[in-house]
Amino acid sequence: MAGVNRQDFDDILKAVARRTKQDVEIDDLGKALKIPSYDIQSAQKRNSQDHSHMGSLELLRDWMQRQNSSTMRQTLIDALVKIKRNDILEECFPEDGADTVTEPTKKKPASRTSGLLTGRMTNLMEMKLNKIGDAVGDDENLAALGLRLGFQQSKVNLFLATNRVDGKVSSKGTKNMLSAWSKKTPGKDQVRELSDALADVELGHIAEEYLQ
């Protein structure tokens, strides 16, 4: 797995630190990252003395220096999911499930005819995925569906968390999951694979309604 650029990751840490300057916030995150208590307390003390988030930032920077660049990004995401900081996930990691479903990606067509056909098929499938996302919503079988579609548990947890931002329940994370799945699945296989997955997790009625 390719490593994360530490300079770019530092920008993420700055944003995280700004949102974890309160004692309880940095305490929760520090413990989730398995940072020693005395280091967390030092960060809290500096935040209080400086009336800033610099204690949190230095704590996170020190943590980063001890991490493997190939895993530290996911480790931070997992910690934020664990402490239910969906607001930070949305701001710092939108590409991992906290983003909204966007317009279909425009690809340069091989020819005018094939391009129009491909575009129509793409738009049709994305509309179906949006409807399926609303139909599935925050169903109790959503986690099983995510795993069945090939996502790791940590990624599934992120999609689930996105469905419950600021105490509000939505289908946002579900739609993001289906969108991410569609981008890695060949178009010709999507209907069959999604139908099978929905059926396997007792959501076959949704496949019958939207994919037949």
Protein backbone atom coordinates (compact mmCIF):
# COMPACT_ATOMS: atom_id res chain seq x y z
CA MET A 1 0.00 0.00 0.00
CA ALA A 2 1.36 3.42 -0.96
CA GLY A 3 2.34 5.70 1.87
CA VAL A 4 0.64 8.99 2.68
CA ASN A 5 2.56 12.20 2.03
CA ARG A 6 3.35 13.44 5.53
CA GLN A 7 3.17 17.11 4.55
CA ASP A 8 -0.33 16.65 3.14
CA PHE A 9 -1.29 14.61 6.19
CA ASP A 10 -0.07 17.44 8.43
CA ASP A 11 -2.73 19.66 6.87
CA ILE A 12 -5.33 17.09 7.91
CA LEU A 13 -3.91 17.01 11.44
CA LYS A 14 -4.24 20.80 11.65
CA ALA A 15 -7.94 20.54 10.82
CA VAL A 16 -8.43 17.71 13.31
CA ALA A 17 -6.60 19.65 16.03
CA ARG A 18 -8.83 22.70 15.54
CA ARG A 19 -11.83 20.49 16.30
CA THR A 20 -10.28 18.72 19.31
CA LYS A 21 -8.97 21.56 21.46
CA GLN A 22 -11.35 20.92 24.37
CA ASP A 23 -10.02 18.63 27.12
CA VAL A 24 -12.62 15.92 26.61
CA GLU A 25 -12.21 16.01 22.82
CA ILE A 26 -8.46 15.48 22.73
CA ASP A 27 -8.75 12.98 25.57
CA ASP A 28 -11.20 10.87 23.57
CA LEU A 29 -9.14 11.02 20.38
CA GLY A 30 -5.84 10.46 22.16
CA LYS A 31 -7.14 7.34 23.87
CA ALA A 32 -8.59 6.04 20.59
CA LEU A 33 -5.14 6.49 19.03
CA LYS A 34 -3.54 4.71 22.01
CA ILE A 35 -1.50 7.77 22.98
CA PRO A 36 -0.14 7.66 26.58
CA SER A 37 -2.22 9.55 29.14
CA TYR A 38 0.64 11.80 30.25
CA ASP A 39 1.12 13.02 26.66
CA ILE A 40 -2.60 13.76 26.39
CA GLN A 41 -2.51 15.69 29.66
CA SER A 42 0.44 17.74 28.42
CA ALA A 43 -1.52 18.62 25.29
CA GLN A 44 -4.53 19.63 27.38
CA LYS A 45 -2.34 21.85 29.54
CA ARG A 46 -0.84 23.64 26.54
CA ASN A 47 -4.26 24.14 24.95
CA SER A 48 -5.44 25.75 28.17
CA GLN A 49 -2.38 27.95 28.64
CA ASP A 50 -2.26 29.15 25.02
CA HIS A 51 -6.03 29.31 24.53
CA SER A 52 -5.46 27.49 21.26
CA HIS A 53 -5.35 24.05 19.66
CA MET A 54 -1.54 23.88 19.45
CA GLY A 55 -1.32 21.29 22.21
CA SER A 56 -3.61 19.01 20.24
CA LEU A 57 -1.68 19.64 17.04
CA GLU A 58 1.71 18.84 18.56
CA LEU A 59 0.26 15.70 20.14
CA LEU A 60 -1.04 14.54 16.76
CA ARG A 61 2.22 15.43 15.03
CA ASP A 62 4.20 13.40 17.56
CA TRP A 63 1.79 10.52 17.01
CA MET A 64 2.26 10.80 13.25
CA GLN A 65 6.03 10.52 13.55
CA ARG A 66 5.61 7.13 15.21
CA GLN A 67 3.27 5.81 12.53
CA ASN A 68 3.81 3.88 9.31
CA SER A 69 2.90 6.18 6.43
CA SER A 70 0.95 3.38 4.74
CA THR A 71 -1.43 2.86 7.68
CA MET A 72 -1.63 6.11 9.65
CA ARG A 73 -4.44 7.57 7.56
CA GLN A 74 -6.71 4.59 8.15
CA THR A 75 -5.72 4.46 11.81
CA LEU A 76 -6.87 8.06 12.28
CA ILE A 77 -10.12 7.39 10.41
CA ASP A 78 -10.81 4.35 12.58
CA ALA A 79 -10.20 6.40 15.73
CA LEU A 80 -12.57 9.14 14.59
CA VAL A 81 -15.24 6.57 13.76
CA LYS A 82 -14.77 5.02 17.20
CA ILE A 83 -15.37 8.31 19.01
CA LYS A 84 -18.21 9.24 16.63
CA ARG A 85 -16.62 12.46 15.34
CA ASN A 86 -18.55 12.41 12.08
CA ASP A 87 -18.10 16.17 11.71
CA ILE A 88 -14.32 15.72 11.44
CA LEU A 89 -14.69 12.77 9.07
CA GLU A 90 -16.86 14.87 6.76
CA GLU A 91 -14.39 17.74 6.74
CA CYS A 92 -11.12 15.82 6.51
CA PHE A 93 -11.98 12.59 4.70
CA PRO A 94 -14.89 13.35 2.33
CA GLU A 95 -13.59 10.89 -0.27
CA ASP A 96 -14.01 8.03 2.22
CA GLY A 97 -17.72 8.19 2.58
CA ALA A 98 -18.59 11.53 4.00
CA ASP A 99 -18.97 13.17 0.62
CA THR A 100 -22.22 13.54 -1.23
CA VAL A 101 -23.00 11.52 -4.33
CA THR A 102 -21.82 13.65 -7.22
CA GLU A 103 -22.75 13.98 -10.85
CA PRO A 104 -21.67 11.13 -13.15
CA THR A 105 -18.02 11.35 -14.18
CA LYS A 106 -17.75 12.62 -17.73
CA LYS A 107 -15.52 10.48 -19.90
CA LYS A 108 -14.25 11.31 -23.34
CA PRO A 109 -16.26 9.11 -25.74
CA ALA A 110 -14.61 6.88 -28.29
CA SER A 111 -17.23 8.07 -30.77
CA ARG A 112 -20.34 10.25 -30.68
CA THR A 113 -22.72 7.28 -30.81
CA SER A 114 -20.95 5.10 -28.25
CA GLY A 115 -20.44 8.10 -25.99
CA LEU A 116 -24.13 8.95 -25.94
CA LEU A 117 -25.05 5.33 -25.24
CA THR A 118 -22.50 4.99 -22.45
CA GLY A 119 -23.63 8.27 -20.92
CA ARG A 120 -27.27 7.20 -20.90
CA MET A 121 -26.41 3.85 -19.31
CA THR A 122 -24.25 5.53 -16.67
CA ASN A 123 -26.95 8.08 -15.82
CA LEU A 124 -29.60 5.35 -15.63
CA MET A 125 -27.55 3.18 -13.26
CA GLU A 126 -26.65 6.11 -11.04
CA MET A 127 -30.30 7.08 -10.78
CA LYS A 128 -31.10 3.49 -9.79
CA LEU A 129 -28.33 3.52 -7.18
CA ASN A 130 -29.71 6.73 -5.69
CA LYS A 131 -33.16 5.16 -5.42
CA ILE A 132 -31.71 1.97 -3.95
CA GLY A 133 -29.73 4.06 -1.47
CA ASP A 134 -32.93 5.74 -0.30
CA ALA A 135 -34.74 2.39 -0.14
CA VAL A 136 -31.99 0.75 1.91
CA GLY A 137 -31.47 3.85 4.05
CA ASP A 138 -30.00 2.97 7.43
CA ASP A 139 -31.39 -0.59 7.38
CA GLU A 140 -30.07 -3.00 10.01
CA ASN A 141 -28.64 -5.13 7.18
CA LEU A 142 -26.61 -2.26 5.72
CA ALA A 143 -23.36 -3.39 7.36
CA ALA A 144 -23.82 -6.89 5.95
CA LEU A 145 -24.47 -5.40 2.51
CA GLY A 146 -21.26 -3.36 2.66
CA LEU A 147 -19.20 -6.41 3.55
CA ARG A 148 -20.95 -8.43 0.84
CA LEU A 149 -19.99 -5.76 -1.70
CA GLY A 150 -16.33 -6.16 -0.77
CA PHE A 151 -15.69 -3.26 1.60
CA GLN A 152 -13.54 -3.71 4.71
CA GLN A 153 -15.25 -3.39 8.10
CA SER A 154 -13.53 -0.06 8.83
CA LYS A 155 -14.86 1.40 5.57
CA VAL A 156 -18.34 0.04 6.28
CA ASN A 157 -18.22 1.69 9.71
CA LEU A 158 -17.43 5.00 8.04
CA PHE A 159 -20.42 4.71 5.72
CA LEU A 160 -22.63 3.84 8.70
CA ALA A 161 -21.32 6.84 10.63
CA THR A 162 -22.08 9.12 7.69
CA ASN A 163 -25.73 8.05 7.91
CA ARG A 164 -25.86 9.47 11.43
CA VAL A 165 -24.26 12.90 11.38
CA ASP A 166 -25.22 15.37 14.11
CA GLY A 167 -27.89 13.03 15.44
CA LYS A 168 -29.78 12.99 12.14
CA VAL A 169 -30.43 9.72 10.30
CA SER A 170 -30.12 9.76 6.51
CA SER A 171 -29.18 7.56 3.55
CA LYS A 172 -26.13 9.66 2.69
CA GLY A 173 -23.58 7.05 3.72
CA THR A 174 -25.54 4.30 1.97
CA LYS A 175 -25.53 6.27 -1.29
CA ASN A 176 -21.81 6.96 -0.91
CA MET A 177 -21.18 3.24 -0.42
CA LEU A 178 -23.12 2.31 -3.55
CA SER A 179 -21.37 5.04 -5.53
CA ALA A 180 -17.94 3.85 -4.38
CA TRP A 181 -18.88 0.27 -5.24
CA SER A 182 -20.06 1.22 -8.73
CA LYS A 183 -16.76 2.95 -9.49
CA LYS A 184 -14.82 -0.26 -8.88
CA THR A 185 -17.27 -2.64 -10.56
CA PRO A 186 -17.52 -3.09 -14.36
CA GLY A 187 -20.79 -1.70 -15.68
CA LYS A 188 -21.82 -4.97 -17.30
CA ASP A 189 -21.61 -6.76 -13.93
CA GLN A 190 -23.28 -4.20 -11.70
CA VAL A 191 -26.93 -5.26 -11.93
CA ARG A 192 -26.15 -8.94 -11.36
CA GLU A 193 -23.68 -8.37 -8.51
CA LEU A 194 -25.85 -5.86 -6.66
CA SER A 195 -28.96 -8.02 -7.09
CA ASP A 196 -27.13 -11.02 -5.65
CA ALA A 197 -25.72 -8.98 -2.77
CA LEU A 198 -29.11 -7.52 -1.84
CA ALA A 199 -30.70 -10.96 -1.94
CA ASP A 200 -27.96 -12.42 0.25
CA VAL A 201 -28.62 -9.88 3.03
CA GLU A 202 -32.41 -10.23 2.93
CA LEU A 203 -32.98 -7.09 0.86
CA GLY A 204 -33.97 -8.93 -2.29
CA HIS A 205 -37.28 -7.05 -2.52
CA ILE A 206 -35.31 -3.87 -3.22
CA ALA A 207 -33.45 -5.56 -6.08
CA GLU A 208 -36.76 -6.78 -7.51
CA GLU A 209 -38.19 -3.27 -7.43
CA TYR A 210 -35.27 -1.32 -8.86
CA LEU A 211 -33.03 -3.72 -10.81
CA GLN A 212 -35.47 -5.88 -12.79
